[in-house]
C-alpha cells in the first residue's frame, strides 16, 4: 500500500507539471479555455500517461486541441479494456458505448484583440488573453479611454468680446477652467481667452451640476476666492459699470453628479510674476488639474491675481 501511494504521488506530480505546461502554452497564444463540455466518443490516444497502480481511482482525460505544443493527457489502466474512460464506474472501466470524454472547448482560431487596430490617435495596442475586449490601448499623454478617443488636452476659448460685458462667462460643454490668457492691458476687458479642458475619461459620459460661489467680498481683496468642496471652476459672473477686477462677483463652480466631495490631488500654482506680463497665460500646469480657488492681492488690476489653487477631480471608484 505504501508503494502504491508512492507511485500515485509521482503520477500526480507528473500530471500537474503537464497541466502547468499546457496552461502556459495556451496563455501565450491567447487560447482561452472557457468551460467543459461532454462528448461521446473514444479516448484521446496521443501521449498517454500510464497508471501502474491497481488501486480504485477516478480517472479522466484532457485534450488540448489545435494549439501546437499543448499535450493531451490520457490515463490507461492495466485491467479491463485498457482504456480508462469517464464512465459510470469509479475505477474507470467502461465499454466504448458508455464512454464519455470531457475535453476543453477551443476557439476555432487564435483571437487577437489588436487585429482590428482599435487604438486611435497614436495609441499603441497590446493583445491580452484574460478578458474581453482582449486588448489594451496605451494612449498618448493627451488622450484617454479604451480606444484613446477621449481628448484631455487643453484648448483656448475666445472671451475677447464677451468678457468685456456683464454676464456669465464659462468654458464650453462640460469642460473646466484651467487658466486664462490676457492681452497687453491690465483690466477685466483684457482677459482674452479661457483655457479649458475635460475631466478624466471616467467622467466622459457624465453631466455636470453647477453653483455660483459668492466672491463679492473676497475677489480683488487680499484673500482667497474659492469653490465649494468637490467643485471646480468653469467661469465667472461679472457685473457691468467698470473694468475693475472687483467686478468679478461670482465664481461658476461645477462637478459631475455623484462625484466625491474632495479632490484627488491639489497644489498651488504661483502666477504672481508670470501673469504680470502682457499676453501672458496663467494656468494649472499639471495634467487634469483645474482651478478650485484664486488668490488675489488688494487691487483692481490683473496684476493683482497672484495664485491659482489647482485640483484634480477624485475618482468615483
Foldseek 3Di string as FASTA:
>chain_A
DVVLVVLVVVVVVVVVVLVVQLVVQCQVLLKDFDDKDKDQFDDDDPPEDERPDPDQAAFAWECDPPGPPNHIYAYFYPDDPRGFARFPGRSRDDDSRRHMHIYTDTDPDRDFLCPVVQAPDPWDKDAHNPDPPRIQTDEPPQADDRRRPRGFAKDKDFCLPVQLAFFWDFDPDQKAFFWFWAAAFWFRNRGTITIIGDADPLCVPFHKDKDKFFCLPPWLAQHKGFDAFLWFFGTFGFHDDDRFRSRGGITIIMHTPQFDRHFPDKDKDWCLPQRVHGRGMDGDDDGQWGFGMWGAYHTGTNSRGTMTIITHGDDSD
